[in-house]
Amino acid sequence: MSAAMSLKQVFDLTPLDDDRWAGRSDGINLPQVFGGQLVAQSLIAATKSIDEGRLP
């Protein structure tokens, strides 16, 4: 799998309900996530959680 495809999958979040999202940390094989990955996933979740027409 290419690095770009792997990165896309890490940032493809799954909605759990209106304000909760699940992310992935595949390919690293470590018990923790990196801060940059967590921040990026949080920003993606925030932009998906707002109403259409509103700026994040």
Foldseek 3Di string as FASTA:
>chain_A
DDPVVVVVQQLDWDDPDLQDIDGDDPPPPDPDDDPVSVVSNVVSSVVVNDDPPDDD
